[in-house]
Every structure is written in C-alpha cells, then in structure tokens.
Amino acid sequence: MAEGLFPAEVASDVPRITMTGADTVHVEQHKGLVAYQEEEVAFRTSRGIVKVQGSGLRFKLYTAGEAVLTGNVRGVTMEGNGGRGA
C-alpha cells in the first residue's frame, strides 16, 4: 500500500478524540475500558489513558475500538506514556 494515502490516525494506532458541543465525545482507536462511572470514563490507548469527565455519562456506542459517550461533558484529558505501563 502506498504511504501517504491515509491520515495518520487511520493508518496507525493513534487515538482520535472528537468532542461535539458539551454533550458528546467520540473516541476512536481505544484499547479497552479502564474505568466507568457516570462522572468519569477512562480508556486505554496506544498513547496513554484518555479520561472523559462530566456528569450523567453514558455510552451511545461501544465497540472493540470505538466509543461514543453522551452526557454533560466537562473535559477530556490524556495521561500516560504511550500505553507502556499507563
């Protein structure tokens, strides 16, 4: 396959996080759920742990590599060292 045909987040293992307004977060390329509460949801990714903070957080969609959360989203953070022990 020729390089450069696809964006990095599609061709590699880089997570992609999209926030729409203050009520929807779409996480792509996650490696699994680390924690789930209505106030905080955490995902393992190749770049560390992605945390979504808010209230009333619920899954609209959850698959092996993709998740959509809805609720009152207050913030999204990334912590860790590329998934190596994060």
PDB file of N, CA and C in Angstrom:
ATOM      1  N   MET A   1       0.840  -1.175   0.000  1.00  0.00           N
ATOM      2  CA  MET A   1       0.000   0.000   0.000  1.00  0.00           C
ATOM      3  C   MET A   1       0.886   1.241   0.000  1.00  0.00           C
ATOM      4  N   ALA A   2       0.545   2.233  -0.768  1.00  0.00           N
ATOM      5  CA  ALA A   2       1.338   3.455  -0.862  1.00  0.00           C
ATOM      6  C   ALA A   2       1.177   4.301   0.386  1.00  0.00           C
ATOM      7  N   GLU A   3       2.309   4.798   0.908  1.00  0.00           N
ATOM      8  CA  GLU A   3       2.273   5.651   2.079  1.00  0.00           C
ATOM      9  C   GLU A   3       1.681   6.996   1.714  1.00  0.00           C
ATOM     10  N   GLY A   4       1.088   7.647   2.698  1.00  0.00           N
ATOM     11  CA  GLY A   4       0.551   8.976   2.484  1.00  0.00           C
ATOM     12  C   GLY A   4      -0.867   9.014   1.951  1.00  0.00           C
ATOM     13  N   LEU A   5      -1.471   7.863   1.694  1.00  0.00           N
ATOM     14  CA  LEU A   5      -2.835   7.853   1.181  1.00  0.00           C
ATOM     15  C   LEU A   5      -3.873   8.084   2.269  1.00  0.00           C
ATOM     16  N   PHE A   6      -3.529   7.743   3.506  1.00  0.00           N
ATOM     17  CA  PHE A   6      -4.473   7.855   4.600  1.00  0.00           C
ATOM     18  C   PHE A   6      -3.911   8.750   5.696  1.00  0.00           C
ATOM     19  N   PRO A   7      -4.777   9.451   6.433  1.00  0.00           N
ATOM     20  CA  PRO A   7      -4.295  10.249   7.565  1.00  0.00           C
ATOM     21  C   PRO A   7      -3.651   9.344   8.619  1.00  0.00           C
ATOM     22  N   ALA A   8      -2.754   9.894   9.426  1.00  0.00           N
ATOM     23  CA  ALA A   8      -2.020   9.121  10.436  1.00  0.00           C
ATOM     24  C   ALA A   8      -2.948   8.383  11.382  1.00  0.00           C
ATOM     25  N   GLU A   9      -4.057   9.019  11.787  1.00  0.00           N
ATOM     26  CA  GLU A   9      -4.945   8.378  12.753  1.00  0.00           C
ATOM     27  C   GLU A   9      -5.681   7.175  12.169  1.00  0.00           C
ATOM     28  N   VAL A  10      -5.753   7.091  10.845  1.00  0.00           N
ATOM     29  CA  VAL A  10      -6.390   5.950  10.202  1.00  0.00           C
ATOM     30  C   VAL A  10      -5.376   4.850   9.937  1.00  0.00           C
ATOM     31  N   ALA A  11      -4.201   5.221   9.482  1.00  0.00           N
ATOM     32  CA  ALA A  11      -3.180   4.245   9.093  1.00  0.00           C
ATOM     33  C   ALA A  11      -2.364   3.730  10.270  1.00  0.00           C
ATOM     34  N   SER A  12      -2.420   4.400  11.410  1.00  0.00           N
ATOM     35  CA  SER A  12      -1.632   3.967  12.564  1.00  0.00           C
ATOM     36  C   SER A  12      -2.551   3.704  13.747  1.00  0.00           C
ATOM     37  N   ASP A  13      -1.945   3.577  14.889  1.00  0.00           N
ATOM     38  CA  ASP A  13      -2.654   3.245  16.113  1.00  0.00           C
ATOM     39  C   ASP A  13      -2.936   4.474  16.967  1.00  0.00           C
ATOM     40  N   VAL A  14      -2.856   5.661  16.388  1.00  0.00           N
ATOM     41  CA  VAL A  14      -3.019   6.908  17.115  1.00  0.00           C
ATOM     42  C   VAL A  14      -4.503   7.113  17.453  1.00  0.00           C
ATOM     43  N   PRO A  15      -4.822   7.383  18.736  1.00  0.00           N
ATOM     44  CA  PRO A  15      -6.222   7.612  19.081  1.00  0.00           C
ATOM     45  C   PRO A  15      -6.733   8.926  18.505  1.00  0.00           C
ATOM     46  N   ARG A  16      -8.014   8.945  18.229  1.00  0.00           N
ATOM     47  CA  ARG A  16      -8.661  10.166  17.737  1.00  0.00           C
ATOM     48  C   ARG A  16      -9.841  10.444  18.650  1.00  0.00           C
ATOM     49  N   ILE A  17      -9.870  11.637  19.236  1.00  0.00           N
ATOM     50  CA  ILE A  17     -10.929  12.026  20.154  1.00  0.00           C
ATOM     51  C   ILE A  17     -11.622  13.250  19.575  1.00  0.00           C
ATOM     52  N   THR A  18     -12.934  13.161  19.400  1.00  0.00           N
ATOM     53  CA  THR A  18     -13.715  14.258  18.851  1.00  0.00           C
ATOM     54  C   THR A  18     -14.804  14.630  19.842  1.00  0.00           C
ATOM     55  N   MET A  19     -14.856  15.903  20.207  1.00  0.00           N
ATOM     56  CA  MET A  19     -15.897  16.390  21.111  1.00  0.00           C
ATOM     57  C   MET A  19     -16.838  17.267  20.317  1.00  0.00           C
ATOM     58  N   THR A  20     -18.138  16.975  20.398  1.00  0.00           N
ATOM     59  CA  THR A  20     -19.144  17.765  19.707  1.00  0.00           C
ATOM     60  C   THR A  20     -19.989  18.467  20.761  1.00  0.00           C
ATOM     61  N   GLY A  21     -19.879  19.792  20.804  1.00  0.00           N
ATOM     62  CA  GLY A  21     -20.572  20.545  21.834  1.00  0.00           C
ATOM     63  C   GLY A  21     -20.066  20.133  23.205  1.00  0.00           C
ATOM     64  N   ALA A  22     -20.947  20.184  24.191  1.00  0.00           N
ATOM     65  CA  ALA A  22     -20.583  19.789  25.550  1.00  0.00           C
ATOM     66  C   ALA A  22     -21.313  18.524  25.959  1.00  0.00           C
ATOM     67  N   ASP A  23     -21.799  17.764  24.952  1.00  0.00           N
ATOM     68  CA  ASP A  23     -22.591  16.596  25.321  1.00  0.00           C
ATOM     69  C   ASP A  23     -22.228  15.299  24.607  1.00  0.00           C
ATOM     70  N   THR A  24     -21.232  15.312  23.720  1.00  0.00           N
ATOM     71  CA  THR A  24     -20.862  14.090  23.007  1.00  0.00           C
ATOM     72  C   THR A  24     -19.351  14.016  22.817  1.00  0.00           C
ATOM     73  N   VAL A  25     -18.769  12.848  23.129  1.00  0.00           N
ATOM     74  CA  VAL A  25     -17.349  12.593  22.882  1.00  0.00           C
ATOM     75  C   VAL A  25     -17.239  11.274  22.127  1.00  0.00           C
ATOM     76  N   HIS A  26     -16.487  11.294  21.026  1.00  0.00           N
ATOM     77  CA  HIS A  26     -16.259  10.121  20.185  1.00  0.00           C
ATOM     78  C   HIS A  26     -14.784   9.747  20.325  1.00  0.00           C
ATOM     79  N   VAL A  27     -14.508   8.537  20.815  1.00  0.00           N
ATOM     80  CA  VAL A  27     -13.136   8.059  20.996  1.00  0.00           C
ATOM     81  C   VAL A  27     -12.903   6.915  20.016  1.00  0.00           C
ATOM     82  N   GLU A  28     -11.924   7.078  19.135  1.00  0.00           N
ATOM     83  CA  GLU A  28     -11.584   6.040  18.168  1.00  0.00           C
ATOM     84  C   GLU A  28     -10.189   5.497  18.486  1.00  0.00           C
ATOM     85  N   GLN A  29      -9.943   4.251  18.128  1.00  0.00           N
ATOM     86  CA  GLN A  29      -8.652   3.578  18.311  1.00  0.00           C
ATOM     87  C   GLN A  29      -8.319   3.337  19.784  1.00  0.00           C
ATOM     88  N   HIS A  30      -9.352   3.126  20.642  1.00  0.00           N
ATOM     89  CA  HIS A  30      -9.053   2.796  22.038  1.00  0.00           C
ATOM     90  C   HIS A  30      -8.723   1.309  22.161  1.00  0.00           C
ATOM     91  N   LYS A  31      -8.097   0.950  23.275  1.00  0.00           N
ATOM     92  CA  LYS A  31      -7.659  -0.436  23.529  1.00  0.00           C
ATOM     93  C   LYS A  31      -8.459  -1.091  24.646  1.00  0.00           C
ATOM     94  N   GLY A  32      -9.519  -0.446  25.070  1.00  0.00           N
ATOM     95  CA  GLY A  32     -10.361  -1.022  26.114  1.00  0.00           C
ATOM     96  C   GLY A  32     -10.684  -0.024  27.199  1.00  0.00           C
ATOM     97  N   LEU A  33     -11.687  -0.367  27.960  1.00  0.00           N
ATOM     98  CA  LEU A  33     -12.171   0.466  29.048  1.00  0.00           C
ATOM     99  C   LEU A  33     -11.349   0.201  30.302  1.00  0.00           C
ATOM    100  N   VAL A  34     -10.887   1.266  30.957  1.00  0.00           N
ATOM    101  CA  VAL A  34     -10.126   1.160  32.194  1.00  0.00           C
ATOM    102  C   VAL A  34     -11.057   1.375  33.388  1.00  0.00           C
ATOM    103  N   ALA A  35     -11.964   2.347  33.286  1.00  0.00           N
ATOM    104  CA  ALA A  35     -12.897   2.663  34.366  1.00  0.00           C
ATOM    105  C   ALA A  35     -14.163   3.275  33.782  1.00  0.00           C
ATOM    106  N   TYR A  36     -15.280   3.017  34.466  1.00  0.00           N
ATOM    107  CA  TYR A  36     -16.541   3.626  34.036  1.00  0.00           C
ATOM    108  C   TYR A  36     -17.374   4.009  35.246  1.00  0.00           C
ATOM    109  N   GLN A  37     -17.671   5.283  35.342  1.00  0.00           N
ATOM    110  CA  GLN A  37     -18.607   5.845  36.315  1.00  0.00           C
ATOM    111  C   GLN A  37     -19.360   6.942  35.581  1.00  0.00           C
ATOM    112  N   GLU A  38     -20.473   7.371  36.115  1.00  0.00           N
ATOM    113  CA  GLU A  38     -21.237   8.436  35.455  1.00  0.00           C
ATOM    114  C   GLU A  38     -20.484   9.758  35.447  1.00  0.00           C
ATOM    115  N   GLU A  39     -19.450   9.897  36.301  1.00  0.00           N
ATOM    116  CA  GLU A  39     -18.669  11.141  36.372  1.00  0.00           C
ATOM    117  C   GLU A  39     -17.337  11.062  35.635  1.00  0.00           C
ATOM    118  N   GLU A  40     -16.854   9.835  35.336  1.00  0.00           N
ATOM    119  CA  GLU A  40     -15.580   9.711  34.632  1.00  0.00           C
ATOM    120  C   GLU A  40     -15.489   8.359  33.926  1.00  0.00           C
ATOM    121  N   VAL A  41     -15.067   8.408  32.663  1.00  0.00           N
ATOM    122  CA  VAL A  41     -14.848   7.200  31.871  1.00  0.00           C
ATOM    123  C   VAL A  41     -13.408   7.260  31.376  1.00  0.00           C
ATOM    124  N   ALA A  42     -12.678   6.152  31.518  1.00  0.00           N
ATOM    125  CA  ALA A  42     -11.265   6.123  31.121  1.00  0.00           C
ATOM    126  C   ALA A  42     -11.022   4.986  30.138  1.00  0.00           C
ATOM    127  N   PHE A  43     -10.274   5.291  29.074  1.00  0.00           N
ATOM    128  CA  PHE A  43      -9.933   4.333  28.025  1.00  0.00           C
ATOM    129  C   PHE A  43      -8.421   4.175  27.937  1.00  0.00           C
ATOM    130  N   ARG A  44      -7.956   2.979  27.672  1.00  0.00           N
ATOM    131  CA  ARG A  44      -6.538   2.736  27.374  1.00  0.00           C
ATOM    132  C   ARG A  44      -6.354   2.991  25.874  1.00  0.00           C
ATOM    133  N   THR A  45      -5.269   3.679  25.521  1.00  0.00           N
ATOM    134  CA  THR A  45      -4.932   3.899  24.114  1.00  0.00           C
ATOM    135  C   THR A  45      -3.436   3.658  23.934  1.00  0.00           C
ATOM    136  N   SER A  46      -2.983   3.679  22.706  1.00  0.00           N
ATOM    137  CA  SER A  46      -1.557   3.497  22.428  1.00  0.00           C
ATOM    138  C   SER A  46      -0.719   4.667  22.942  1.00  0.00           C
ATOM    139  N   ARG A  47      -1.348   5.776  23.260  1.00  0.00           N
ATOM    140  CA  ARG A  47      -0.637   6.972  23.724  1.00  0.00           C
ATOM    141  C   ARG A  47      -0.866   7.265  25.202  1.00  0.00           C
ATOM    142  N   GLY A  48      -1.575   6.400  25.902  1.00  0.00           N
ATOM    143  CA  GLY A  48      -1.841   6.614  27.320  1.00  0.00           C
ATOM    144  C   GLY A  48      -3.308   6.416  27.637  1.00  0.00           C
ATOM    145  N   ILE A  49      -3.734   6.995  28.744  1.00  0.00           N
ATOM    146  CA  ILE A  49      -5.105   6.869  29.206  1.00  0.00           C
ATOM    147  C   ILE A  49      -5.877   8.138  28.853  1.00  0.00           C
ATOM    148  N   VAL A  50      -7.004   7.978  28.175  1.00  0.00           N
ATOM    149  CA  VAL A  50      -7.894   9.089  27.862  1.00  0.00           C
ATOM    150  C   VAL A  50      -9.018   9.068  28.886  1.00  0.00           C
ATOM    151  N   LYS A  51      -9.209  10.203  29.579  1.00  0.00           N
ATOM    152  CA  LYS A  51     -10.276  10.319  30.570  1.00  0.00           C
ATOM    153  C   LYS A  51     -11.282  11.365  30.124  1.00  0.00           C
ATOM    154  N   VAL A  52     -12.545  10.994  30.224  1.00  0.00           N
ATOM    155  CA  VAL A  52     -13.647  11.912  29.930  1.00  0.00           C
ATOM    156  C   VAL A  52     -14.330  12.191  31.264  1.00  0.00           C
ATOM    157  N   GLN A  53     -14.400  13.466  31.654  1.00  0.00           N
ATOM    158  CA  GLN A  53     -15.029  13.857  32.907  1.00  0.00           C
ATOM    159  C   GLN A  53     -16.330  14.589  32.624  1.00  0.00           C
ATOM    160  N   GLY A  54     -17.309  14.381  33.499  1.00  0.00           N
ATOM    161  CA  GLY A  54     -18.580  15.061  33.351  1.00  0.00           C
ATOM    162  C   GLY A  54     -19.602  14.520  34.325  1.00  0.00           C
ATOM    163  N   SER A  55     -20.863  14.587  33.947  1.00  0.00           N
ATOM    164  CA  SER A  55     -21.932  14.023  34.765  1.00  0.00           C
ATOM    165  C   SER A  55     -22.945  13.355  33.844  1.00  0.00           C
ATOM    166  N   GLY A  56     -23.552  12.300  34.335  1.00  0.00           N
ATOM    167  CA  GLY A  56     -24.537  11.572  33.548  1.00  0.00           C
ATOM    168  C   GLY A  56     -23.967  10.940  32.296  1.00  0.00           C
ATOM    169  N   LEU A  57     -22.685  10.559  32.322  1.00  0.00           N
ATOM    170  CA  LEU A  57     -22.047   9.993  31.136  1.00  0.00           C
ATOM    171  C   LEU A  57     -22.594   8.597  30.853  1.00  0.00           C
ATOM    172  N   ARG A  58     -22.961   8.366  29.593  1.00  0.00           N
ATOM    173  CA  ARG A  58     -23.494   7.079  29.149  1.00  0.00           C
ATOM    174  C   ARG A  58     -22.928   6.743  27.776  1.00  0.00           C
ATOM    175  N   PHE A  59     -22.854   5.455  27.510  1.00  0.00           N
ATOM    176  CA  PHE A  59     -22.407   5.015  26.193  1.00  0.00           C
ATOM    177  C   PHE A  59     -23.568   5.027  25.213  1.00  0.00           C
ATOM    178  N   LYS A  60     -23.371   5.707  24.107  1.00  0.00           N
ATOM    179  CA  LYS A  60     -24.309   5.634  22.990  1.00  0.00           C
ATOM    180  C   LYS A  60     -23.863   4.500  22.070  1.00  0.00           C
ATOM    181  N   LEU A  61     -22.525   4.270  22.017  1.00  0.00           N
ATOM    182  CA  LEU A  61     -21.927   3.211  21.204  1.00  0.00           C
ATOM    183  C   LEU A  61     -20.656   2.745  21.893  1.00  0.00           C
ATOM    184  N   TYR A  62     -20.423   1.430  21.886  1.00  0.00           N
ATOM    185  CA  TYR A  62     -19.156   0.897  22.390  1.00  0.00           C
ATOM    186  C   TYR A  62     -18.817  -0.346  21.583  1.00  0.00           C
ATOM    187  N   THR A  63     -17.659  -0.304  20.903  1.00  0.00           N
ATOM    188  CA  THR A  63     -17.154  -1.466  20.176  1.00  0.00           C
ATOM    189  C   THR A  63     -15.704  -1.681  20.597  1.00  0.00           C
ATOM    190  N   ALA A  64     -15.058  -2.671  20.009  1.00  0.00           N
ATOM    191  CA  ALA A  64     -13.678  -3.008  20.368  1.00  0.00           C
ATOM    192  C   ALA A  64     -12.712  -1.849  20.178  1.00  0.00           C
ATOM    193  N   GLY A  65     -12.975  -0.915  19.288  1.00  0.00           N
ATOM    194  CA  GLY A  65     -12.035   0.172  19.051  1.00  0.00           C
ATOM    195  C   GLY A  65     -12.651   1.548  18.993  1.00  0.00           C
ATOM    196  N   GLU A  66     -13.961   1.634  19.267  1.00  0.00           N
ATOM    197  CA  GLU A  66     -14.651   2.912  19.111  1.00  0.00           C
ATOM    198  C   GLU A  66     -15.705   3.063  20.199  1.00  0.00           C
ATOM    199  N   ALA A  67     -15.871   4.293  20.699  1.00  0.00           N
ATOM    200  CA  ALA A  67     -16.893   4.554  21.704  1.00  0.00           C
ATOM    201  C   ALA A  67     -17.451   5.958  21.506  1.00  0.00           C
ATOM    202  N   VAL A  68     -18.742   6.098  21.766  1.00  0.00           N
ATOM    203  CA  VAL A  68     -19.397   7.407  21.765  1.00  0.00           C
ATOM    204  C   VAL A  68     -20.079   7.560  23.116  1.00  0.00           C
ATOM    205  N   LEU A  69     -19.709   8.632  23.828  1.00  0.00           N
ATOM    206  CA  LEU A  69     -20.288   8.945  25.136  1.00  0.00           C
ATOM    207  C   LEU A  69     -21.171  10.167  25.013  1.00  0.00           C
ATOM    208  N   THR A  70     -22.280  10.157  25.748  1.00  0.00           N
ATOM    209  CA  THR A  70     -23.136  11.331  25.824  1.00  0.00           C
ATOM    210  C   THR A  70     -23.322  11.690  27.287  1.00  0.00           C
ATOM    211  N   GLY A  71     -23.708  12.910  27.538  1.00  0.00           N
ATOM    212  CA  GLY A  71     -23.915  13.414  28.893  1.00  0.00           C
ATOM    213  C   GLY A  71     -23.405  14.837  28.969  1.00  0.00           C
ATOM    214  N   ASN A  72     -23.244  15.337  30.177  1.00  0.00           N
ATOM    215  CA  ASN A  72     -22.708  16.676  30.384  1.00  0.00           C
ATOM    216  C   ASN A  72     -21.187  16.557  30.496  1.00  0.00           C
ATOM    217  N   VAL A  73     -20.476  16.795  29.405  1.00  0.00           N
ATOM    218  CA  VAL A  73     -19.025  16.624  29.360  1.00  0.00           C
ATOM    219  C   VAL A  73     -18.343  17.908  29.841  1.00  0.00           C
ATOM    220  N   ARG A  74     -17.497  17.773  30.863  1.00  0.00           N
ATOM    221  CA  ARG A  74     -16.757  18.920  31.390  1.00  0.00           C
ATOM    222  C   ARG A  74     -15.332  18.970  30.875  1.00  0.00           C
ATOM    223  N   GLY A  75     -14.775  17.824  30.475  1.00  0.00           N
ATOM    224  CA  GLY A  75     -13.407  17.847  29.989  1.00  0.00           C
ATOM    225  C   GLY A  75     -12.931  16.493  29.509  1.00  0.00           C
ATOM    226  N   VAL A  76     -11.870  16.533  28.709  1.00  0.00           N
ATOM    227  CA  VAL A  76     -11.211  15.330  28.200  1.00  0.00           C
ATOM    228  C   VAL A  76      -9.715  15.530  28.412  1.00  0.00           C
ATOM    229  N   THR A  77      -9.058  14.538  29.031  1.00  0.00           N
ATOM    230  CA  THR A  77      -7.629  14.630  29.270  1.00  0.00           C
ATOM    231  C   THR A  77      -6.938  13.352  28.817  1.00  0.00           C
ATOM    232  N   MET A  78      -5.637  13.457  28.565  1.00  0.00           N
ATOM    233  CA  MET A  78      -4.826  12.288  28.220  1.00  0.00           C
ATOM    234  C   MET A  78      -3.649  12.234  29.170  1.00  0.00           C
ATOM    235  N   GLU A  79      -3.445  11.058  29.769  1.00  0.00           N
ATOM    236  CA  GLU A  79      -2.351  10.851  30.707  1.00  0.00           C
ATOM    237  C   GLU A  79      -1.573   9.620  30.290  1.00  0.00           C
ATOM    238  N   GLY A  80      -0.307   9.576  30.614  1.00  0.00           N
ATOM    239  CA  GLY A  80       0.434   8.337  30.391  1.00  0.00           C
ATOM    240  C   GLY A  80       1.620   8.474  29.490  1.00  0.00           C
ATOM    241  N   ASN A  81       2.151   7.294  29.165  1.00  0.00           N
ATOM    242  CA  ASN A  81       3.419   7.230  28.441  1.00  0.00           C
ATOM    243  C   ASN A  81       3.317   6.344  27.206  1.00  0.00           C
ATOM    244  N   GLY A  82       2.292   6.539  26.435  1.00  0.00           N
ATOM    245  CA  GLY A  82       2.177   5.768  25.206  1.00  0.00           C
ATOM    246  C   GLY A  82       1.686   4.352  25.419  1.00  0.00           C
ATOM    247  N   GLY A  83       0.970   4.114  26.519  1.00  0.00           N
ATOM    248  CA  GLY A  83       0.406   2.801  26.756  1.00  0.00           C
ATOM    249  C   GLY A  83       1.372   1.814  27.374  1.00  0.00           C
ATOM    250  N   ARG A  84       2.624   2.202  27.578  1.00  0.00           N
ATOM    251  CA  ARG A  84       3.620   1.317  28.189  1.00  0.00           C
ATOM    252  C   ARG A  84       3.570   1.482  29.695  1.00  0.00           C
ATOM    253  N   GLY A  85       2.668   0.730  30.314  1.00  0.00           N
ATOM    254  CA  GLY A  85       2.529   0.799  31.755  1.00  0.00           C
ATOM    255  C   GLY A  85       1.593   1.869  32.222  1.00  0.00           C
ATOM    256  N   ALA A  86       0.904   2.528  31.322  1.00  0.00           N
ATOM    257  CA  ALA A  86      -0.037   3.589  31.700  1.00  0.00           C
ATOM    258  C   ALA A  86      -1.276   3.010  32.322  1.00  0.00           C
TER     259      ALA A  86
END
